[in-house]
Amino acid sequence: MADRDAVVVGSGINSLACAALLARAGWDVSVLERSAHLGGAIQTAELTEPGFHHDVFSAWHPLWVGGAAHAELGDELAARGLEYLNTEYPTATLYPDGEAAFLLRSADANAEELDRHAAGDGAAWRRLLDGFLPNADLAFGVLGTELWSRDGLALALKAYRRLGRGGLVEFTGNVLASSRDWLTGAFASEQAHGLLAPWVLHTGLGPDAAASGFMTQVIAVAIQEGGMPIPRGGGARLADALVQLIRDHGGVCETGRDVERVLVRGGEAVGVHLAGGETVTAGRAVIANVTPTQLYGRLLEGEVPPPIAEGARRFRYGRSEMQIHFALSEPPRWEGDERLAHSAIVHLTPGLDGVSRAVNEAERGLLPTEATVVVGQPLALDSSRAPARAGLLWIQLQELPWQVKGDAAAELDTKDGTWTEELRERYADRIQARIAGHVPNLESALRKRFVLSPADLQAANINLHHGDPYSGSLALDQNLLWRPFPANPGHATPIRKLWQIGASTHPGPGLGAGSGTLVAKRLLEPALLERLRSRIGR
């Protein structure tokens, strides 16, 4: 007999959601994590000083709260101490001249805000909602369905019946449009463009990439409808609650358990082999939350057909990321619109062209002259994360190269092109100065700064290869129907009973747990024979 029904490799959000759903259904599940903490890219720690609780990697949970896993598990997680907080000011963009634009929580508020920058843009926002919301189930269905399955076929037939041939062609064309084309066609003001364009970075895309226009619309509507929720006390509270749920249903979650190989017998996954020699067998499924290069290289070397192995070898990673964490002796004092102090996320950028330029520079191997700076303000929602009357900022930079060929601003010596501690700190100085230009008390209130370069991110989490927070480029040939790569799209693998989940797989990155939920749903479906017997019995 096998040790477990299912073994899950890695403990990221997709792993924990998948394991929780299986454990609730009576499966005996084991989650094996190679690092010292459970949660993958969800981690909360006192990085700077005692009492300052920083979300080390990921921080914001709108995709989780709006996703299928939370709908299924939310009540049980709340019973285990998970509480979400939200705000009426989810996001803003602040421009170099001090003008700001805001995305708010209602259609009326957003129409009024956009009209403030250009008359008629409020009506354009309402047109977006009028066109999007009646077919929101199709749009979100693309991101919440196993596309290479009968569910994917059912979604396509549903779209065809509702929209007709012409409408379906138009819908597909809209999915593939770039953010630049959609934004400039929909809104007159550059402020509206700059408000929404930075959000494509959070999907691993750039504003000129295919499908970025669709993702911009999805995120814009999702933020209006769902805000920018975070767990009280830190993002790790989500991982903690999921782990407790798994354990309460008899499952096991262990750290320091490095899986070296998937055990295959007769073309079927039967368990895993761990560093140190131990094996853990699985009778029903092995579920690997790893990148394709890990899965088909390290874990399955020699076990898959050459075209699959070659496709995985050619899997590409995207731009790198840096994070900066600030502990402040007082809250940041923003110049300009008072709403900035209450906004969960503020993007600093010149606008659409600024985002596009920074992406282009990074993809050419250059440090951007004027990066898009993501300033997260968790204390605007959750005062428990820092001492009273203190300040805490979470900074994300998503437009960086792994191999640094030069500095677009011609200010920093990039030496041999690697992310040294010196380069990390000097580039962080540039970003700190940018923020200080809008937050005059930033440097006088600074108690401590902690910076994570792309090299630090890769060292911290094996799935953040080359500091790519999204575990693989989301260019069209590695996105949607073709993710993780065209030779083997979807979550099934050439090895029976072996499944791949995580950001490298559809629907891609984020804390929605989409891939883990889809695989759990697939595994919990009644077997074909059982379904036939049920139909005959009726």
Protein backbone atom coordinates (compact mmCIF):
# COMPACT_ATOMS: atom_id res chain seq x y z
CA MET A 1 0.00 0.00 0.00
CA ALA A 2 1.13 3.57 -0.73
CA ASP A 3 2.15 5.89 2.09
CA ARG A 4 -0.28 8.56 0.94
CA ASP A 5 -3.08 9.12 -1.55
CA ALA A 6 -1.31 12.23 -2.87
CA VAL A 7 2.09 13.83 -2.47
CA VAL A 8 2.37 17.55 -3.22
CA VAL A 9 5.84 18.89 -4.04
CA GLY A 10 6.25 22.46 -2.75
CA SER A 11 4.02 24.49 -0.44
CA GLY A 12 3.06 27.59 -2.44
CA ILE A 13 -0.52 28.85 -2.55
CA ASN A 14 -1.50 26.42 -5.32
CA SER A 15 -0.09 23.48 -3.35
CA LEU A 16 -1.85 24.43 -0.12
CA ALA A 17 -5.18 25.10 -1.82
CA CYS A 18 -5.00 21.83 -3.77
CA ALA A 19 -4.02 19.85 -0.68
CA ALA A 20 -6.77 21.49 1.40
CA LEU A 21 -9.45 20.64 -1.14
CA LEU A 22 -8.24 17.04 -1.42
CA ALA A 23 -7.91 16.61 2.35
CA ARG A 24 -11.45 17.91 2.90
CA ALA A 25 -12.65 15.25 0.46
CA GLY A 26 -11.03 12.49 2.47
CA TRP A 27 -7.69 12.10 0.70
CA ASP A 28 -4.57 11.36 2.73
CA VAL A 29 -2.27 14.16 1.58
CA SER A 30 1.37 15.03 2.24
CA VAL A 31 2.85 18.44 1.35
CA LEU A 32 6.66 18.40 1.14
CA GLU A 33 8.55 21.73 1.21
CA ARG A 34 12.31 22.01 0.68
CA SER A 35 12.74 25.33 2.52
CA ALA A 36 12.30 26.16 6.20
CA HIS A 37 8.84 27.72 5.91
CA LEU A 38 5.50 26.75 4.42
CA GLY A 39 3.75 29.06 1.97
CA GLY A 40 6.16 29.51 -0.94
CA ALA A 41 6.07 33.18 -1.94
CA ILE A 42 3.77 33.94 1.01
CA GLN A 43 5.95 34.83 3.97
CA THR A 44 5.70 37.46 6.69
CA ALA A 45 8.79 38.35 8.72
CA GLU A 46 10.37 41.09 10.82
CA LEU A 47 12.91 41.91 8.13
CA THR A 48 13.92 45.30 9.45
CA GLU A 49 13.20 45.76 13.18
CA PRO A 50 11.12 44.00 15.83
CA GLY A 51 7.43 44.82 15.53
CA PHE A 52 7.59 45.59 11.78
CA HIS A 53 5.86 42.71 10.00
CA HIS A 54 6.81 42.77 6.31
CA ASP A 55 5.27 40.59 3.61
CA VAL A 56 8.57 39.37 2.22
CA PHE A 57 7.51 38.42 -1.32
CA SER A 58 3.82 38.59 -2.32
CA ALA A 59 1.56 40.92 -0.38
CA TRP A 60 -1.88 41.60 -1.88
CA HIS A 61 -4.70 39.06 -2.12
CA PRO A 62 -7.48 40.24 -4.49
CA LEU A 63 -7.10 37.16 -6.71
CA TRP A 64 -7.41 34.84 -3.72
CA VAL A 65 -10.46 36.55 -2.24
CA GLY A 66 -12.15 36.60 -5.65
CA GLY A 67 -11.14 33.07 -6.58
CA ALA A 68 -12.79 29.66 -6.52
CA ALA A 69 -10.62 28.26 -3.73
CA HIS A 70 -11.57 31.04 -1.33
CA ALA A 71 -15.24 30.59 -2.23
CA GLU A 72 -14.90 26.94 -1.28
CA LEU A 73 -12.66 27.25 1.76
CA GLY A 74 -13.24 30.78 3.06
CA ASP A 75 -15.52 29.94 5.98
CA GLU A 76 -13.25 27.17 7.23
CA LEU A 77 -10.20 29.43 6.97
CA ALA A 78 -11.98 32.21 8.84
CA ALA A 79 -12.73 29.71 11.60
CA ARG A 80 -8.97 29.18 11.82
CA GLY A 81 -8.23 32.86 12.37
CA LEU A 82 -7.95 34.27 8.85
CA GLU A 83 -9.48 37.76 8.60
CA TYR A 84 -9.35 40.02 5.54
CA LEU A 85 -9.20 43.81 5.60
CA ASN A 86 -9.97 46.11 2.66
CA THR A 87 -10.03 49.76 1.64
CA GLU A 88 -12.02 52.19 -0.48
CA TYR A 89 -8.73 53.36 -2.04
CA PRO A 90 -7.20 50.24 -3.61
CA THR A 91 -4.76 51.92 -6.01
CA ALA A 92 -3.48 55.20 -7.44
CA THR A 93 -0.88 56.42 -9.89
CA LEU A 94 1.28 59.42 -9.03
CA TYR A 95 2.94 61.26 -11.90
CA PRO A 96 6.24 63.20 -11.82
CA ASP A 97 4.43 66.54 -11.75
CA GLY A 98 2.57 65.57 -8.56
CA GLU A 99 -0.80 64.90 -10.20
CA ALA A 100 -2.52 61.68 -9.11
CA ALA A 101 -5.27 59.45 -10.49
CA PHE A 102 -7.22 56.88 -8.48
CA LEU A 103 -9.07 53.64 -9.13
CA LEU A 104 -11.91 53.39 -6.62
CA ARG A 105 -14.58 50.95 -5.49
CA SER A 106 -17.69 51.92 -7.46
CA ALA A 107 -18.64 52.69 -11.05
CA ASP A 108 -19.89 56.16 -10.12
CA ALA A 109 -16.73 57.04 -8.20
CA ASN A 110 -14.49 55.87 -11.03
CA ALA A 111 -16.50 57.68 -13.68
CA GLU A 112 -16.24 60.90 -11.67
CA GLU A 113 -12.51 60.39 -11.08
CA LEU A 114 -11.75 59.78 -14.77
CA ASP A 115 -13.90 62.71 -15.88
CA ARG A 116 -11.75 64.87 -13.60
CA HIS A 117 -8.85 64.25 -15.98
CA ALA A 118 -10.72 64.31 -19.30
CA ALA A 119 -14.40 64.91 -19.95
CA GLY A 120 -15.88 61.79 -21.49
CA ASP A 121 -13.53 59.29 -19.88
CA GLY A 122 -16.16 58.61 -17.22
CA ALA A 123 -18.56 57.54 -19.94
CA ALA A 124 -15.78 55.41 -21.43
CA TRP A 125 -15.41 53.65 -18.07
CA ARG A 126 -19.14 52.92 -18.00
CA ARG A 127 -18.90 51.54 -21.54
CA LEU A 128 -16.14 49.23 -20.37
CA LEU A 129 -18.35 47.94 -17.57
CA ASP A 130 -21.40 47.67 -19.82
CA GLY A 131 -19.42 45.55 -22.28
CA PHE A 132 -17.44 43.54 -19.75
CA LEU A 133 -19.84 42.67 -16.94
CA PRO A 134 -22.51 40.85 -19.02
CA ASN A 135 -19.77 38.53 -20.25
CA ALA A 136 -17.63 38.53 -17.11
CA ASP A 137 -18.26 34.81 -16.71
CA LEU A 138 -16.56 34.24 -20.07
CA ALA A 139 -13.63 36.54 -19.30
CA PHE A 140 -12.99 35.09 -15.86
CA GLY A 141 -13.80 31.66 -17.26
CA VAL A 142 -10.76 31.89 -19.52
CA LEU A 143 -8.64 32.30 -16.38
CA GLY A 144 -10.54 29.81 -14.25
CA THR A 145 -11.00 26.84 -16.57
CA GLU A 146 -8.77 23.95 -17.58
CA LEU A 147 -8.67 25.03 -21.22
CA TRP A 148 -7.49 21.65 -22.57
CA SER A 149 -10.46 19.73 -21.19
CA ARG A 150 -14.15 19.20 -21.73
CA ASP A 151 -14.69 22.22 -19.43
CA GLY A 152 -12.62 24.32 -21.81
CA LEU A 153 -14.68 23.04 -24.73
CA ALA A 154 -17.88 23.78 -22.82
CA LEU A 155 -16.68 27.36 -22.20
CA ALA A 156 -15.98 27.80 -25.92
CA LEU A 157 -19.42 26.44 -26.86
CA LYS A 158 -21.05 28.71 -24.26
CA ALA A 159 -19.28 31.72 -25.76
CA TYR A 160 -20.28 30.68 -29.29
CA ARG A 161 -23.95 30.24 -28.37
CA ARG A 162 -24.08 33.58 -26.60
CA LEU A 163 -21.97 35.70 -28.93
CA GLY A 164 -22.38 34.01 -32.28
CA ARG A 165 -19.55 33.43 -34.72
CA GLY A 166 -18.77 37.10 -35.27
CA GLY A 167 -19.01 37.94 -31.59
CA LEU A 168 -16.73 35.07 -30.65
CA VAL A 169 -14.12 36.19 -33.18
CA GLU A 170 -14.35 39.73 -31.76
CA PHE A 171 -14.08 38.44 -28.17
CA THR A 172 -10.98 36.42 -29.08
CA GLY A 173 -9.45 39.44 -30.79
CA ASN A 174 -10.06 41.53 -27.68
CA VAL A 175 -8.34 38.87 -25.55
CA LEU A 176 -5.22 39.16 -27.71
CA ALA A 177 -5.08 42.99 -27.92
CA SER A 178 -2.30 44.93 -26.22
CA SER A 179 -2.89 47.22 -23.28
CA ARG A 180 -1.60 50.19 -25.28
CA ASP A 181 -4.09 49.61 -28.08
CA TRP A 182 -6.99 49.14 -25.69
CA LEU A 183 -6.14 52.06 -23.39
CA THR A 184 -5.51 54.62 -26.12
CA GLY A 185 -8.65 53.53 -27.94
CA ALA A 186 -10.84 53.69 -24.84
CA PHE A 187 -9.66 56.75 -22.88
CA ALA A 188 -8.58 60.25 -23.86
CA SER A 189 -6.44 61.24 -20.88
CA GLU A 190 -2.88 60.14 -20.28
CA GLN A 191 -3.76 59.96 -16.60
CA ALA A 192 -6.26 57.18 -17.30
CA HIS A 193 -3.66 55.35 -19.38
CA GLY A 194 -1.08 55.66 -16.61
CA LEU A 195 -3.55 54.59 -13.95
CA LEU A 196 -4.19 51.22 -15.55
CA ALA A 197 -1.03 50.46 -17.56
CA PRO A 198 1.18 49.58 -14.54
CA TRP A 199 -1.16 46.76 -13.63
CA VAL A 200 -0.06 44.70 -16.62
CA LEU A 201 3.32 44.37 -14.89
CA HIS A 202 1.56 42.45 -12.12
CA THR A 203 0.54 39.84 -14.71
CA GLY A 204 4.10 39.40 -15.98
CA LEU A 205 3.37 41.31 -19.20
CA GLY A 206 4.21 44.73 -20.60
CA PRO A 207 1.75 47.22 -22.08
CA ASP A 208 2.72 46.36 -25.67
CA ALA A 209 2.43 42.58 -25.25
CA ALA A 210 -0.33 40.42 -26.72
CA ALA A 211 -3.17 39.75 -24.24
CA SER A 212 -2.10 42.62 -21.97
CA GLY A 213 -5.21 44.63 -22.92
CA PHE A 214 -7.46 41.79 -21.80
CA MET A 215 -5.56 41.46 -18.52
CA THR A 216 -5.79 45.23 -17.96
CA GLN A 217 -9.58 45.08 -18.25
CA VAL A 218 -9.85 42.02 -16.01
CA ILE A 219 -7.73 43.62 -13.28
CA ALA A 220 -9.43 47.00 -13.52
CA VAL A 221 -12.88 45.47 -13.05
CA ALA A 222 -11.61 43.10 -10.35
CA ILE A 223 -10.13 45.99 -8.34
CA GLN A 224 -13.33 48.02 -8.55
CA GLU A 225 -15.44 45.06 -7.49
CA GLY A 226 -13.07 43.49 -4.97
CA GLY A 227 -10.64 46.14 -3.76
CA MET A 228 -7.17 45.23 -2.49
CA PRO A 229 -7.68 42.89 0.49
CA ILE A 230 -4.92 41.70 2.82
CA PRO A 231 -4.99 39.40 5.86
CA ARG A 232 -4.85 41.00 9.27
CA GLY A 233 -1.39 40.41 10.70
CA GLY A 234 0.36 39.55 7.43
CA GLY A 235 0.02 37.43 4.31
CA ALA A 236 1.39 34.39 6.12
CA ARG A 237 -1.92 34.15 7.98
CA LEU A 238 -3.41 32.71 4.78
CA ALA A 239 -0.74 30.02 4.55
CA ASP A 240 -1.08 29.30 8.28
CA ALA A 241 -4.85 28.81 8.00
CA LEU A 242 -4.52 26.53 4.97
CA VAL A 243 -1.87 24.42 6.69
CA GLN A 244 -4.06 24.10 9.77
CA LEU A 245 -7.04 23.07 7.64
CA ILE A 246 -4.94 20.38 5.92
CA ARG A 247 -3.68 19.05 9.23
CA ASP A 248 -7.14 19.12 10.78
CA HIS A 249 -8.28 16.79 7.98
CA GLY A 250 -5.42 14.36 8.58
CA GLY A 251 -2.93 15.76 6.08
CA VAL A 252 0.78 16.36 6.64
CA CYS A 253 2.78 19.51 5.82
CA GLU A 254 6.54 19.29 6.33
CA THR A 255 9.50 21.61 5.80
CA GLY A 256 13.10 20.68 5.03
CA ARG A 257 11.91 17.91 2.68
CA ASP A 258 13.74 18.35 -0.61
CA VAL A 259 12.27 16.19 -3.38
CA GLU A 260 15.03 15.06 -5.71
CA ARG A 261 13.05 12.88 -8.10
CA VAL A 262 9.57 11.73 -9.02
CA LEU A 263 9.39 7.94 -8.91
CA VAL A 264 7.98 6.49 -12.14
CA ARG A 265 6.97 2.88 -12.70
CA GLY A 266 5.42 1.70 -15.95
CA GLY A 267 4.79 5.27 -17.11
CA GLU A 268 2.99 6.16 -13.89
CA ALA A 269 4.04 8.37 -10.96
CA VAL A 270 4.12 6.30 -7.79
CA GLY A 271 5.83 8.65 -5.36
CA VAL A 272 8.90 10.79 -4.74
CA HIS A 273 12.50 10.30 -3.66
CA LEU A 274 13.90 12.82 -1.17
CA ALA A 275 17.39 14.10 -0.50
CA GLY A 276 18.81 11.77 2.10
CA GLY A 277 17.38 8.66 0.52
CA GLU A 278 13.82 8.47 1.84
CA THR A 279 10.90 7.72 -0.47
CA VAL A 280 7.25 8.66 -0.03
CA THR A 281 4.83 6.70 -2.19
CA ALA A 282 1.52 8.01 -3.55
CA GLY A 283 -1.38 5.83 -4.64
CA ARG A 284 -3.50 8.38 -6.50
CA ALA A 285 -1.44 11.43 -7.53
CA VAL A 286 1.86 13.27 -7.39
CA ILE A 287 1.33 17.03 -7.77
CA ALA A 288 4.43 19.13 -8.49
CA ASN A 289 4.42 22.88 -7.87
CA VAL A 290 7.66 23.50 -9.76
CA THR A 291 8.81 25.13 -12.98
CA PRO A 292 9.04 23.09 -16.21
CA THR A 293 12.83 23.18 -16.16
CA GLN A 294 12.79 21.62 -12.69
CA LEU A 295 10.06 19.10 -13.44
CA TYR A 296 11.37 17.75 -16.73
CA GLY A 297 15.02 18.23 -15.83
CA ARG A 298 15.82 17.43 -12.23
CA LEU A 299 12.70 15.49 -11.24
CA LEU A 300 11.96 13.52 -14.41
CA GLU A 301 15.25 13.30 -16.27
CA GLY A 302 15.07 10.51 -18.83
CA GLU A 303 11.40 9.71 -18.14
CA VAL A 304 9.63 11.77 -20.85
CA PRO A 305 9.74 11.78 -24.67
CA PRO A 306 12.51 13.97 -26.18
CA PRO A 307 10.10 16.58 -27.63
CA ILE A 308 8.69 17.23 -24.14
CA ALA A 309 12.14 17.40 -22.56
CA GLU A 310 13.30 19.80 -25.29
CA GLY A 311 10.19 21.97 -24.93
CA ALA A 312 10.81 22.25 -21.20
CA ARG A 313 14.49 23.04 -21.74
CA ARG A 314 13.49 25.94 -23.98
CA PHE A 315 11.00 27.34 -21.43
CA ARG A 316 11.80 31.03 -21.02
CA TYR A 317 11.80 33.16 -17.89
CA GLY A 318 10.63 36.74 -17.75
CA ARG A 319 11.95 39.98 -16.33
CA SER A 320 13.50 40.04 -12.88
CA GLU A 321 12.19 41.76 -9.76
CA MET A 322 13.61 43.68 -6.82
CA GLN A 323 11.90 44.44 -3.51
CA ILE A 324 12.66 47.13 -0.94
CA HIS A 325 11.19 47.11 2.56
CA PHE A 326 11.18 50.29 4.66
CA ALA A 327 10.63 50.62 8.39
CA LEU A 328 9.80 54.24 9.26
CA SER A 329 9.54 56.09 12.56
CA GLU A 330 6.36 57.81 11.35
CA PRO A 331 3.84 57.38 8.52
CA PRO A 332 4.92 58.60 5.08
CA ARG A 333 3.68 62.12 4.32
CA TRP A 334 2.71 62.29 0.66
CA GLU A 335 2.73 65.60 -1.13
CA GLY A 336 -0.42 66.36 -3.09
CA ASP A 337 -3.73 64.53 -2.93
CA GLU A 338 -4.52 63.45 0.64
CA ARG A 339 -6.02 60.19 -0.68
CA LEU A 340 -2.52 58.91 -1.46
CA ALA A 341 -1.92 58.23 2.24
CA HIS A 342 -4.95 55.92 2.30
CA SER A 343 -4.20 54.02 -0.95
CA ALA A 344 -3.10 50.40 -0.69
CA ILE A 345 -0.83 50.60 -3.76
CA VAL A 346 0.59 53.72 -5.40
CA HIS A 347 2.41 53.42 -8.71
CA LEU A 348 5.05 56.05 -9.48
CA THR A 349 5.41 56.39 -13.26
CA PRO A 350 5.37 58.97 -16.05
CA GLY A 351 2.48 56.99 -17.55
CA LEU A 352 1.87 54.46 -20.31
CA ASP A 353 4.96 55.42 -22.30
CA GLY A 354 7.03 55.39 -19.13
CA VAL A 355 5.98 51.83 -18.32
CA SER A 356 6.62 50.78 -21.91
CA ARG A 357 10.07 52.40 -21.94
CA ALA A 358 11.13 50.80 -18.65
CA VAL A 359 9.98 47.36 -19.83
CA ASN A 360 11.89 47.79 -23.09
CA GLU A 361 15.06 48.86 -21.30
CA ALA A 362 14.87 45.90 -18.92
CA GLU A 363 14.29 43.43 -21.75
CA ARG A 364 17.40 44.81 -23.46
CA GLY A 365 19.43 44.14 -20.32
CA LEU A 366 19.46 47.70 -18.96
CA LEU A 367 18.59 49.14 -15.58
CA PRO A 368 15.64 51.45 -16.38
CA THR A 369 16.18 55.17 -16.14
CA GLU A 370 12.73 55.69 -14.62
CA ALA A 371 11.29 52.43 -13.34
CA THR A 372 7.66 51.89 -12.45
CA VAL A 373 7.79 51.95 -8.64
CA VAL A 374 5.09 49.96 -6.83
CA VAL A 375 4.66 51.49 -3.37
CA GLY A 376 2.59 49.21 -1.15
CA GLN A 377 1.15 50.65 2.06
CA PRO A 378 -0.18 47.77 4.18
CA LEU A 379 -0.65 50.06 7.18
CA ALA A 380 -3.36 51.88 5.23
CA LEU A 381 -5.42 48.73 5.84
CA ASP A 382 -3.82 46.94 8.80
CA SER A 383 -2.32 48.93 11.66
CA SER A 384 -1.24 45.73 13.43
CA ARG A 385 1.76 45.29 11.16
CA ALA A 386 3.94 47.95 12.81
CA PRO A 387 4.27 49.77 16.14
CA ALA A 388 1.87 52.64 16.82
CA ARG A 389 2.59 55.86 14.93
CA ALA A 390 5.24 54.11 12.77
CA GLY A 391 5.40 53.63 9.00
CA LEU A 392 6.03 50.61 6.78
CA LEU A 393 6.38 50.45 2.99
CA TRP A 394 6.56 47.48 0.60
CA ILE A 395 8.29 48.35 -2.70
CA GLN A 396 8.21 46.22 -5.83
CA LEU A 397 10.19 46.80 -9.03
CA GLN A 398 9.19 44.54 -11.92
CA GLU A 399 11.27 45.92 -14.79
CA LEU A 400 14.78 44.57 -14.23
CA PRO A 401 17.14 42.33 -16.20
CA TRP A 402 18.80 39.25 -14.76
CA GLN A 403 22.01 39.83 -16.70
CA VAL A 404 22.73 43.54 -16.40
CA LYS A 405 24.33 44.84 -19.58
CA GLY A 406 24.32 48.47 -18.51
CA ASP A 407 22.46 51.37 -16.96
CA ALA A 408 20.07 53.29 -19.19
CA ALA A 409 20.69 56.36 -17.04
CA ALA A 410 24.49 55.95 -17.37
CA GLU A 411 24.89 56.48 -13.63
CA LEU A 412 25.71 53.06 -12.15
CA ASP A 413 28.70 50.82 -12.81
CA THR A 414 27.25 47.41 -13.60
CA LYS A 415 30.70 45.75 -13.69
CA ASP A 416 30.37 42.10 -14.72
CA GLY A 417 26.59 42.28 -15.07
CA THR A 418 25.68 40.26 -11.98
CA TRP A 419 23.55 41.40 -9.05
CA THR A 420 26.19 42.18 -6.45
CA GLU A 421 25.33 43.67 -3.06
CA GLU A 422 26.81 46.97 -4.19
CA LEU A 423 24.68 47.14 -7.35
CA ARG A 424 21.60 46.13 -5.37
CA GLU A 425 22.06 48.93 -2.84
CA ARG A 426 23.00 51.62 -5.37
CA TYR A 427 19.96 50.86 -7.50
CA ALA A 428 17.80 50.89 -4.37
CA ASP A 429 19.24 54.34 -3.62
CA ARG A 430 17.90 55.52 -6.98
CA ILE A 431 14.44 54.22 -6.19
CA GLN A 432 14.51 55.64 -2.66
CA ALA A 433 15.32 59.07 -4.10
CA ARG A 434 12.37 58.75 -6.50
CA ILE A 435 9.99 58.01 -3.65
CA ALA A 436 11.49 60.75 -1.47
CA GLY A 437 10.64 63.25 -4.21
CA HIS A 438 6.97 62.64 -3.35
CA VAL A 439 7.35 61.68 0.32
CA PRO A 440 9.51 64.43 1.88
CA ASN A 441 9.83 62.71 5.27
CA LEU A 442 10.91 59.32 3.85
CA GLU A 443 14.60 59.68 4.54
CA SER A 444 14.30 61.57 7.82
CA ALA A 445 11.88 58.92 9.14
CA LEU A 446 13.86 55.95 7.81
CA ARG A 447 14.79 53.49 10.55
CA LYS A 448 15.96 50.61 8.40
CA ARG A 449 15.88 49.44 4.78
CA PHE A 450 16.02 45.85 3.57
CA VAL A 451 16.55 45.12 -0.14
CA LEU A 452 16.08 41.88 -2.09
CA SER A 453 17.76 41.78 -5.49
CA PRO A 454 16.86 39.30 -8.24
CA ALA A 455 19.76 37.15 -7.04
CA ASP A 456 18.40 37.22 -3.48
CA LEU A 457 14.94 36.18 -4.71
CA GLN A 458 16.37 33.25 -6.67
CA ALA A 459 18.35 32.14 -3.62
CA ALA A 460 15.27 32.37 -1.41
CA ASN A 461 12.87 30.37 -3.60
CA ILE A 462 13.79 27.85 -6.30
CA ASN A 463 10.70 28.78 -8.34
CA LEU A 464 11.85 32.43 -8.61
CA HIS A 465 14.43 31.50 -11.23
CA HIS A 466 16.51 34.50 -12.29
CA GLY A 467 14.43 36.60 -9.90
CA ASP A 468 11.33 36.19 -12.10
CA PRO A 469 8.41 36.49 -9.65
CA TYR A 470 6.03 34.89 -12.16
CA SER A 471 7.96 31.65 -12.79
CA GLY A 472 8.20 32.07 -16.53
CA SER A 473 7.61 34.53 -19.33
CA LEU A 474 3.96 35.08 -20.22
CA ALA A 475 4.60 35.83 -23.88
CA LEU A 476 1.73 34.47 -25.94
CA ASP A 477 3.45 31.17 -26.81
CA GLN A 478 3.76 30.48 -23.04
CA ASN A 479 0.38 31.86 -22.01
CA LEU A 480 -3.28 30.83 -21.95
CA LEU A 481 -3.76 27.76 -24.20
CA TRP A 482 0.01 27.30 -24.49
CA ARG A 483 1.09 27.53 -20.86
CA PRO A 484 3.48 26.25 -19.66
CA PHE A 485 4.84 25.50 -23.16
CA PRO A 486 3.32 24.41 -26.48
CA ALA A 487 4.68 20.85 -26.42
CA ASN A 488 2.77 20.08 -23.22
CA PRO A 489 0.12 22.67 -22.32
CA GLY A 490 -2.19 22.26 -19.36
CA HIS A 491 -1.62 20.54 -16.03
CA ALA A 492 -1.49 16.87 -17.04
CA THR A 493 1.95 15.50 -17.88
CA PRO A 494 3.11 12.59 -20.05
CA ILE A 495 3.46 10.60 -16.82
CA ARG A 496 0.14 9.20 -15.59
CA LYS A 497 -0.96 10.43 -12.17
CA LEU A 498 1.61 13.26 -12.28
CA TRP A 499 0.29 16.82 -12.40
CA GLN A 500 2.02 20.17 -12.64
CA ILE A 501 0.66 23.27 -10.87
CA GLY A 502 1.99 26.70 -9.90
CA ALA A 503 2.65 30.04 -11.57
CA SER A 504 4.36 28.34 -14.51
CA THR A 505 1.02 26.77 -15.47
CA HIS A 506 -2.35 28.19 -16.51
CA PRO A 507 -3.81 30.60 -15.41
CA GLY A 508 -0.36 31.88 -14.50
CA PRO A 509 0.95 33.91 -11.56
CA GLY A 510 -0.88 35.52 -8.67
CA LEU A 511 -2.37 34.33 -5.41
CA GLY A 512 -5.62 33.03 -6.88
CA ALA A 513 -4.60 29.36 -6.52
CA GLY A 514 -6.15 28.77 -9.93
CA SER A 515 -3.98 25.85 -11.03
CA GLY A 516 -4.12 24.07 -7.68
CA THR A 517 -7.89 24.39 -7.63
CA LEU A 518 -8.26 23.13 -11.19
CA VAL A 519 -6.15 20.03 -10.52
CA ALA A 520 -7.95 19.29 -7.25
CA LYS A 521 -11.27 19.58 -9.06
CA ARG A 522 -10.04 17.21 -11.78
CA LEU A 523 -8.81 14.66 -9.24
CA LEU A 524 -12.08 14.76 -7.32
CA GLU A 525 -14.24 14.15 -10.37
CA PRO A 526 -15.96 10.76 -10.30
CA ALA A 527 -14.25 8.17 -12.47
CA LEU A 528 -15.75 7.55 -15.92
CA LEU A 529 -17.17 4.17 -14.92
CA GLU A 530 -18.78 5.66 -11.84
CA ARG A 531 -20.35 8.46 -13.91
CA LEU A 532 -21.74 5.94 -16.42
CA ARG A 533 -23.22 3.81 -13.63
CA SER A 534 -24.80 6.91 -12.14
CA ARG A 535 -26.44 7.82 -15.43
CA ILE A 536 -27.70 4.28 -15.98
CA GLY A 537 -29.08 4.24 -12.44
CA ARG A 538 -31.11 7.38 -13.15
